[in-house]
Structures are given as C-alpha cells and as structure tokens.
Amino acid sequence: MVSTRKIFTYIILFLLSISIIYFVLVYREKILKIFFTILMGGVVAYILRPIVLKLESKNIPRTRSIILIYLAFGIVLTAAVVFIAPIFVDNTREFINTIPEITTEYGEIFNNILKTIDSSGWSAEMKNAIYNEINNGVSIAENMLMDALRKTLIGFFKWVTGISNIILAMIIAYYIMKDAELFKKGALSLVPRRWRNEIIGTCREINDILSCFIQGQLLTALIIGIMETIALAIVGVKYSPILGFIGGISNIIPYFGPFIGAIPAVAVALIDSPVKAFWTVVAFLVIQQIDNAFISPKIIEGRLGLHPVTTILAVLAGGEFFGIIGMLIAVPVTAILKVILKRLIEAIV
C-alpha cells in the first residue's frame, strides 16, 4: 500500500511540474532572453578559460588574470566597434538591400532557360509545369534567403550592439571562471554521495565535449572567416566581409556548412562574371582543404566521438526543427546526450 504521505508528495510534485511548464510556456520569450545571456556568458568563459589557466600557471592570481584578459578584450572590442563594425554593418545592410537585384539578375538567366524550353518540341502541359516549378522555386528561394539573412544577421547585431547584454555576459563569465570550484562543490552537495563519482565522470566528459566544440570550432570559424574574406576581396567579389562572415559561421556545421557558406559568395560572384565565380569556388575549396589538413587537426585536439552518419542525422534533425541555430548546436547536443545515455545504461546494467 502506498502511504497517504507519498500520494500527497506525488500530487505536489505533479502540480509543481505543471506550474513550471505553464510558467515556461507563458514567459518563454523572457526566459529565452535570460538563458541566451547566461549561455553567452558560458561561451565566453569556455573561450577564455585556457588563457586564464595559462596565466595562472605563471603564478598570476586567477582574479588578476581575468581582469588582464578583460582589459585586453576591451581594447580589441573598442577598436573593432570603432573601425570594423561600421563597415561590417553597412556591408550587411547593402547586401540585404541588393538581394532583390541579385534575384532579378538570376531571373534573366531563368528567362533565357525558359526561352530555350519554349523553343523546344515539348508538349504545352510539360512546358507549363516546368514554368510553374521554376517560378515557385525562385520565389521561395528569394523569400527564404531574405528572411533567413534578416532574422539571423539583424538578430545577431541586435544582441551584439546591446551593451547591457554584453556587460551581463562578461560578468557571468567572470564569476564562472573565478568561482568554478565553488560552483562545482555547490552542485555536488546537492547530489547523493553514491552518485557523485558517476556525476563527476559525466560532467568531465561533457566538459571535454563543450571545450572541444566551443573553443575549437569558434576559433576555426574565425580563422576560416578571415581567410575567406581576404580570398573574396582578392578575387574582387562584392560584400566580401559579410560573405566571409557567413562562410566562417557556416563552417561550424559539419559536412554541410562549407557548402552552405559558399553558395551566397558564388551566387554574388556569378553576377559579375563566370570567371569570378570559378575563382570563388577554387578559393573556397582550397581554404576547406587547408582547414581539413592543418587548421582543424591542430586546434580541435579531441573529437566529439560521433559516427559520421550520426553527425549527418543530427545536423539534418537540428535544421528541420530549429533552423540554422539547430544545425549549429545539433552536434554537441547529440554528443552530450550520447554521454548521458551511455552513463545511464552503464549505471542500470
């Protein structure tokens, strides 16, 4: 028989769970905003942690190490805001505004294709079906491209230009790095003693995965973005800063990322001339080979431990349910879930 006390406890837990779910659903936008700031603080902490540990190994106290890094970061950020950000923002705005013009250029190419189809000996029904599919495809592609660029880039700039968000993220990162041991002890105090070794082992594996992904992939994306921007500028492709930025960020997505990042650059280059498009493709291929052979193996010391098929399925699922953001975080989330599931199975068996 289940005691009345247990039944009452279960009812309270059930009602509490329902209340939490309702609260999250009603205030999800505000919760996401807070969560995103905390997440960015964690990302900053993961990026700066190796530098802090390096300075600490040279007998510089952790607090002083963090302050020195923040001062250097502040100088770099100020210089970037003053000299680079205006160019980048103008470049992005101009690129978004000229997307209809670019699609018009491609519309003329499609019109030539349509003329070729029209002069062919195919039946009228087949011609009309092809015309409709081409027109629908062009319209959908234009709307998707403009919507994705506008939401992603404008949303990114809105957050980055929000001084309060940057300050909060930096403060959170400061305390994560400074009081990391305190947070660990506090979290472990909430865990029963018999589970602590398993929890510690799981958290270490998850920490290795996050370190590999955040530090390695973001640094790789930065290097690739700079290389692609320089390459596009040399080739003479318009909007090289924003196109290089798209290429660098897209590189985080395994397998599909390099192709996704190359499409806008090649499309813009093709408007000027097929020769520019050819050299743009060559530039992206060469940079990708350099990344595969030298950059990623040097920067990303560990691997996420996922089979290529699992990685591809994770990226596809992330993109289907959560768009570009889902594709970016699908792989580390899958790797973390794999670690947790593996530990649970080992504990049960």
Protein backbone atom coordinates (compact mmCIF):
# COMPACT_ATOMS: atom_id res chain seq x y z
CA MET A 1 0.00 0.00 0.00
CA VAL A 2 1.17 3.46 -0.86
CA SER A 3 1.09 5.73 2.14
CA THR A 4 -1.01 8.88 2.18
CA ARG A 5 2.14 10.94 2.60
CA LYS A 6 3.66 9.53 -0.62
CA ILE A 7 0.44 10.17 -2.54
CA PHE A 8 0.38 13.75 -1.24
CA THR A 9 4.06 14.18 -2.24
CA TYR A 10 3.37 12.87 -5.76
CA ILE A 11 0.41 15.23 -6.14
CA ILE A 12 2.50 18.20 -5.02
CA LEU A 13 5.33 17.25 -7.44
CA PHE A 14 2.83 16.83 -10.28
CA LEU A 15 1.21 20.20 -9.62
CA LEU A 16 4.62 21.84 -9.29
CA SER A 17 5.73 20.34 -12.63
CA ILE A 18 2.56 21.58 -14.34
CA SER A 19 3.07 25.05 -12.85
CA ILE A 20 6.69 25.18 -14.07
CA ILE A 21 5.70 24.05 -17.58
CA TYR A 22 2.90 26.63 -17.70
CA PHE A 23 5.24 29.37 -16.48
CA VAL A 24 7.87 28.46 -19.10
CA LEU A 25 5.28 28.42 -21.91
CA VAL A 26 3.77 31.77 -20.91
CA TYR A 27 7.08 33.57 -20.36
CA ARG A 28 9.22 31.62 -22.84
CA GLU A 29 10.47 34.72 -24.67
CA LYS A 30 11.73 36.37 -21.50
CA ILE A 31 13.20 33.08 -20.25
CA LEU A 32 14.97 32.54 -23.58
CA LYS A 33 16.42 36.04 -23.42
CA ILE A 34 17.79 35.40 -19.93
CA PHE A 35 19.00 31.94 -20.92
CA PHE A 36 20.75 33.32 -24.00
CA THR A 37 22.65 35.84 -21.88
CA ILE A 38 23.72 33.09 -19.46
CA LEU A 39 24.65 30.88 -22.42
CA MET A 40 26.83 33.64 -23.90
CA GLY A 41 28.49 34.08 -20.53
CA GLY A 42 29.28 30.36 -20.53
CA VAL A 43 30.64 30.55 -24.08
CA VAL A 44 32.91 33.48 -23.13
CA ALA A 45 34.12 31.54 -20.08
CA TYR A 46 34.94 28.49 -22.20
CA ILE A 47 36.80 30.63 -24.74
CA LEU A 48 38.88 32.50 -22.14
CA ARG A 49 39.44 29.61 -19.72
CA PRO A 50 42.62 28.25 -21.41
CA ILE A 51 44.19 31.72 -21.31
CA VAL A 52 43.27 32.11 -17.63
CA LEU A 53 44.79 28.72 -16.80
CA LYS A 54 47.93 29.62 -18.77
CA LEU A 55 48.39 32.88 -16.84
CA GLU A 56 47.60 31.11 -13.57
CA SER A 57 50.38 28.59 -14.31
CA LYS A 58 52.76 31.59 -14.43
CA ASN A 59 51.82 32.45 -10.82
CA ILE A 60 49.39 35.22 -11.76
CA PRO A 61 46.31 35.02 -9.48
CA ARG A 62 43.09 33.98 -11.23
CA THR A 63 41.24 37.22 -10.49
CA ARG A 64 44.12 39.31 -11.83
CA SER A 65 44.41 37.03 -14.89
CA ILE A 66 40.72 37.52 -15.72
CA ILE A 67 40.98 41.30 -15.29
CA LEU A 68 44.04 41.46 -17.56
CA ILE A 69 42.23 39.42 -20.23
CA TYR A 70 39.16 41.65 -19.91
CA LEU A 71 41.30 44.77 -20.34
CA ALA A 72 42.88 43.33 -23.49
CA PHE A 73 39.45 42.24 -24.73
CA GLY A 74 38.05 45.72 -24.05
CA ILE A 75 40.79 47.36 -26.10
CA VAL A 76 40.24 44.94 -29.00
CA LEU A 77 36.45 45.31 -28.80
CA THR A 78 36.66 49.11 -28.74
CA ALA A 79 38.92 49.10 -31.79
CA ALA A 80 36.56 46.68 -33.56
CA VAL A 81 33.49 48.80 -32.79
CA VAL A 82 35.19 51.99 -33.94
CA PHE A 83 36.92 50.76 -37.08
CA ILE A 84 35.38 47.45 -38.20
CA ALA A 85 31.75 47.34 -37.05
CA PRO A 86 30.52 50.33 -39.16
CA ILE A 87 32.00 48.79 -42.33
CA PHE A 88 30.55 45.41 -41.48
CA VAL A 89 27.07 46.77 -40.68
CA ASP A 90 26.95 48.90 -43.85
CA ASN A 91 28.16 45.94 -45.89
CA THR A 92 25.44 43.73 -44.42
CA ARG A 93 22.69 46.30 -44.97
CA GLU A 94 23.78 46.89 -48.54
CA PHE A 95 23.94 43.15 -49.22
CA ILE A 96 20.41 42.58 -47.87
CA ASN A 97 19.05 45.55 -49.86
CA THR A 98 20.57 44.24 -53.10
CA ILE A 99 19.19 40.71 -52.77
CA PRO A 100 16.14 41.60 -54.95
CA GLU A 101 18.55 42.98 -57.57
CA ILE A 102 20.59 39.79 -57.45
CA THR A 103 17.48 37.64 -57.82
CA THR A 104 16.43 39.81 -60.77
CA GLU A 105 19.76 39.05 -62.45
CA TYR A 106 19.16 35.38 -61.92
CA GLY A 107 15.63 35.88 -63.15
CA GLU A 108 17.07 36.92 -66.51
CA ILE A 109 19.14 33.74 -66.56
CA PHE A 110 15.99 31.76 -65.87
CA ASN A 111 14.20 33.66 -68.61
CA ASN A 112 16.84 32.52 -71.09
CA ILE A 113 16.29 28.98 -69.87
CA LEU A 114 12.56 29.47 -70.30
CA LYS A 115 13.08 30.69 -73.86
CA THR A 116 15.09 27.57 -74.61
CA ILE A 117 12.31 25.43 -73.16
CA ASP A 118 9.71 27.41 -75.09
CA SER A 119 11.51 26.78 -78.39
CA SER A 120 11.76 23.06 -77.67
CA GLY A 121 9.37 20.46 -79.01
CA TRP A 122 7.94 19.52 -75.61
CA SER A 123 4.20 19.50 -75.02
CA ALA A 124 2.38 22.58 -73.71
CA GLU A 125 1.44 20.80 -70.47
CA MET A 126 5.07 19.90 -69.73
CA LYS A 127 6.23 23.45 -70.51
CA ASN A 128 3.60 24.99 -68.21
CA ALA A 129 4.53 22.57 -65.41
CA ILE A 130 8.23 23.47 -65.76
CA TYR A 131 7.42 27.22 -65.84
CA ASN A 132 5.36 26.97 -62.66
CA GLU A 133 8.01 24.97 -60.81
CA ILE A 134 10.79 27.40 -61.80
CA ASN A 135 8.75 30.47 -60.79
CA ASN A 136 7.75 28.88 -57.48
CA GLY A 137 11.33 27.82 -56.80
CA VAL A 138 12.72 31.29 -57.48
CA SER A 139 10.09 32.95 -55.29
CA ILE A 140 10.60 30.51 -52.43
CA ALA A 141 14.42 30.79 -52.62
CA GLU A 142 14.30 34.60 -52.57
CA ASN A 143 11.90 34.74 -49.63
CA MET A 144 13.83 32.12 -47.66
CA LEU A 145 17.18 33.81 -48.27
CA MET A 146 15.96 37.27 -47.33
CA ASP A 147 14.08 36.01 -44.28
CA ALA A 148 16.98 33.90 -43.02
CA LEU A 149 19.55 36.67 -43.53
CA ARG A 150 17.35 39.32 -41.99
CA LYS A 151 16.43 37.28 -38.91
CA THR A 152 19.88 35.80 -38.32
CA LEU A 153 22.05 38.83 -39.02
CA ILE A 154 19.78 41.54 -37.64
CA GLY A 155 19.10 39.40 -34.56
CA PHE A 156 22.84 38.90 -34.10
CA PHE A 157 23.60 42.60 -34.45
CA LYS A 158 20.75 43.49 -32.08
CA TRP A 159 22.27 41.33 -29.39
CA VAL A 160 25.87 42.31 -30.05
CA THR A 161 25.05 46.02 -30.03
CA GLY A 162 23.12 45.65 -26.76
CA ILE A 163 25.70 46.94 -24.28
CA SER A 164 23.76 45.62 -21.28
CA ASN A 165 23.76 42.07 -22.69
CA ILE A 166 27.50 42.18 -23.32
CA ILE A 167 28.20 43.51 -19.82
CA LEU A 168 25.95 40.88 -18.19
CA ALA A 169 27.54 38.07 -20.22
CA MET A 170 31.02 39.26 -19.25
CA ILE A 171 30.06 39.48 -15.56
CA ILE A 172 28.59 35.96 -15.68
CA ALA A 173 31.73 34.68 -17.42
CA TYR A 174 33.90 36.39 -14.77
CA TYR A 175 32.19 34.57 -11.91
CA ILE A 176 32.08 31.25 -13.79
CA MET A 177 35.87 31.40 -14.23
CA LYS A 178 36.66 32.89 -10.82
CA ASP A 179 34.41 30.66 -8.70
CA ALA A 180 34.43 27.48 -10.82
CA GLU A 181 35.45 25.29 -7.86
CA LEU A 182 32.78 26.85 -5.65
CA PHE A 183 30.10 26.10 -8.25
CA LYS A 184 31.35 22.50 -8.52
CA LYS A 185 31.21 21.96 -4.74
CA GLY A 186 27.77 23.57 -4.53
CA ALA A 187 26.40 21.38 -7.32
CA LEU A 188 27.92 18.21 -5.85
CA SER A 189 26.45 18.98 -2.42
CA LEU A 190 23.00 18.56 -3.97
CA VAL A 191 23.86 15.09 -5.31
CA PRO A 192 23.65 11.93 -3.13
CA ARG A 193 27.11 10.59 -2.26
CA ARG A 194 26.62 7.25 -4.03
CA TRP A 195 26.01 9.07 -7.34
CA ARG A 196 28.82 11.61 -7.10
CA ASN A 197 31.57 9.65 -8.86
CA GLU A 198 29.29 8.95 -11.82
CA ILE A 199 28.13 12.57 -11.95
CA ILE A 200 31.74 13.84 -11.81
CA GLY A 201 32.78 11.47 -14.63
CA THR A 202 29.78 12.50 -16.75
CA CYS A 203 30.42 16.21 -16.20
CA ARG A 204 34.08 15.79 -17.15
CA GLU A 205 33.13 14.12 -20.43
CA ILE A 206 30.56 16.83 -21.14
CA ASN A 207 33.13 19.50 -20.28
CA ASP A 208 35.60 17.95 -22.76
CA ILE A 209 32.91 17.97 -25.47
CA LEU A 210 31.93 21.59 -24.83
CA SER A 211 35.57 22.69 -24.68
CA CYS A 212 36.30 20.94 -27.96
CA PHE A 213 33.28 22.42 -29.68
CA ILE A 214 33.19 25.98 -28.32
CA GLN A 215 36.92 26.73 -28.21
CA GLY A 216 37.94 24.73 -31.25
CA GLN A 217 35.04 25.33 -33.61
CA LEU A 218 34.68 29.06 -32.89
CA LEU A 219 38.40 29.67 -33.32
CA THR A 220 38.34 27.63 -36.53
CA ALA A 221 35.30 29.59 -37.75
CA LEU A 222 37.10 32.87 -37.04
CA ILE A 223 40.21 31.78 -38.97
CA ILE A 224 38.17 30.43 -41.89
CA GLY A 225 36.01 33.58 -41.96
CA ILE A 226 39.09 35.82 -42.15
CA MET A 227 40.70 33.66 -44.85
CA GLU A 228 37.52 33.61 -46.94
CA THR A 229 37.04 37.37 -46.56
CA ILE A 230 40.61 38.01 -47.78
CA ALA A 231 40.21 35.49 -50.63
CA LEU A 232 36.92 37.07 -51.77
CA ALA A 233 38.47 40.55 -51.63
CA ILE A 234 41.41 39.36 -53.76
CA VAL A 235 39.03 37.79 -56.30
CA GLY A 236 37.06 41.06 -56.33
CA VAL A 237 33.72 39.73 -55.06
CA LYS A 238 31.38 42.38 -53.62
CA TYR A 239 30.34 42.27 -49.95
CA SER A 240 33.38 40.15 -49.04
CA PRO A 241 33.18 40.92 -45.25
CA ILE A 242 29.61 39.67 -44.82
CA LEU A 243 30.12 36.76 -47.24
CA GLY A 244 33.30 35.75 -45.39
CA PHE A 245 31.41 36.02 -42.08
CA ILE A 246 28.66 33.74 -43.41
CA GLY A 247 31.28 31.28 -44.66
CA GLY A 248 33.09 31.22 -41.31
CA ILE A 249 29.95 30.71 -39.22
CA SER A 250 28.63 28.09 -41.65
CA ASN A 251 31.89 26.17 -41.26
CA ILE A 252 30.78 25.21 -37.74
CA ILE A 253 28.10 22.97 -39.29
CA PRO A 254 29.75 19.62 -40.10
CA TYR A 255 29.71 18.38 -43.71
CA PHE A 256 27.02 20.78 -44.96
CA GLY A 257 28.49 24.01 -43.55
CA PRO A 258 31.20 24.70 -46.16
CA PHE A 259 28.70 24.22 -48.99
CA ILE A 260 26.07 26.43 -47.30
CA GLY A 261 28.67 29.15 -46.73
CA ALA A 262 29.92 29.01 -50.32
CA ILE A 263 26.51 29.36 -52.01
CA PRO A 264 25.95 33.12 -51.34
CA ALA A 265 29.54 34.01 -52.33
CA VAL A 266 29.40 32.02 -55.58
CA ALA A 267 25.95 33.44 -56.39
CA VAL A 268 27.18 37.02 -55.94
CA ALA A 269 30.38 36.35 -57.90
CA LEU A 270 28.44 34.79 -60.79
CA ILE A 271 26.50 38.04 -61.25
CA ASP A 272 29.76 39.79 -62.19
CA SER A 273 31.27 37.03 -64.31
CA PRO A 274 31.62 33.24 -64.55
CA VAL A 275 35.38 33.71 -64.13
CA LYS A 276 34.91 35.31 -60.68
CA ALA A 277 32.51 32.52 -59.73
CA PHE A 278 35.10 29.93 -60.82
CA TRP A 279 37.87 31.53 -58.74
CA THR A 280 35.49 31.88 -55.80
CA VAL A 281 34.79 28.15 -55.92
CA VAL A 282 38.54 27.46 -56.17
CA ALA A 283 39.22 29.74 -53.19
CA PHE A 284 36.60 28.02 -51.01
CA LEU A 285 37.87 24.56 -52.00
CA VAL A 286 41.50 25.48 -51.23
CA ILE A 287 40.56 27.02 -47.85
CA GLN A 288 38.48 23.96 -46.98
CA GLN A 289 41.40 21.67 -47.78
CA ILE A 290 43.69 23.81 -45.61
CA ASP A 291 41.12 23.59 -42.82
CA ASN A 292 40.81 19.79 -43.10
CA ALA A 293 44.56 19.20 -43.35
CA PHE A 294 46.04 21.76 -40.94
CA ILE A 295 43.63 24.05 -39.02
CA SER A 296 41.06 21.67 -37.51
CA PRO A 297 43.55 18.90 -36.56
CA LYS A 298 45.77 21.47 -34.78
CA ILE A 299 43.01 23.40 -32.98
CA ILE A 300 40.50 20.65 -32.22
CA GLU A 301 42.64 18.20 -30.26
CA GLY A 302 39.77 15.93 -29.23
CA ARG A 303 36.78 14.68 -31.16
CA LEU A 304 33.12 14.57 -30.21
CA GLY A 305 33.02 10.79 -30.58
CA LEU A 306 30.18 10.61 -33.09
CA HIS A 307 29.96 8.43 -36.17
CA PRO A 308 29.69 10.44 -39.44
CA VAL A 309 26.18 9.05 -40.06
CA THR A 310 25.08 10.14 -36.57
CA THR A 311 26.57 13.58 -37.18
CA ILE A 312 24.74 13.98 -40.50
CA LEU A 313 21.41 12.84 -38.99
CA ALA A 314 21.88 15.20 -36.03
CA VAL A 315 22.55 18.18 -38.32
CA LEU A 316 19.53 17.31 -40.50
CA ALA A 317 17.25 16.95 -37.46
CA GLY A 318 18.54 20.18 -35.91
CA GLY A 319 17.94 22.07 -39.14
CA GLU A 320 14.47 20.61 -39.59
CA PHE A 321 13.24 21.50 -36.09
CA PHE A 322 15.26 24.60 -35.15
CA GLY A 323 16.66 26.06 -38.40
CA ILE A 324 20.22 27.40 -38.65
CA ILE A 325 20.66 27.58 -34.86
CA GLY A 326 19.63 23.93 -34.63
CA MET A 327 22.24 22.94 -37.20
CA LEU A 328 24.93 24.83 -35.27
CA ILE A 329 24.26 23.19 -31.90
CA ALA A 330 22.97 19.77 -33.05
CA VAL A 331 26.35 18.00 -32.94
CA PRO A 332 27.48 18.98 -29.40
CA VAL A 333 23.96 18.40 -28.03
CA THR A 334 23.90 14.92 -29.61
CA ALA A 335 27.37 14.18 -28.22
CA ILE A 336 26.27 15.27 -24.73
CA LEU A 337 23.09 13.16 -24.93
CA LYS A 338 25.22 10.19 -26.01
CA VAL A 339 27.44 10.60 -22.93
CA ILE A 340 24.43 10.86 -20.59
CA LEU A 341 22.67 7.88 -22.18
CA LYS A 342 25.85 5.80 -22.05
CA ARG A 343 26.35 6.59 -18.35
CA LEU A 344 22.70 5.78 -17.56
CA ILE A 345 22.91 2.41 -19.32
CA GLU A 346 26.15 1.58 -17.52
CA ALA A 347 24.55 2.52 -14.18
CA ILE A 348 21.45 0.39 -14.85
CA VAL A 349 23.30 -2.63 -16.25
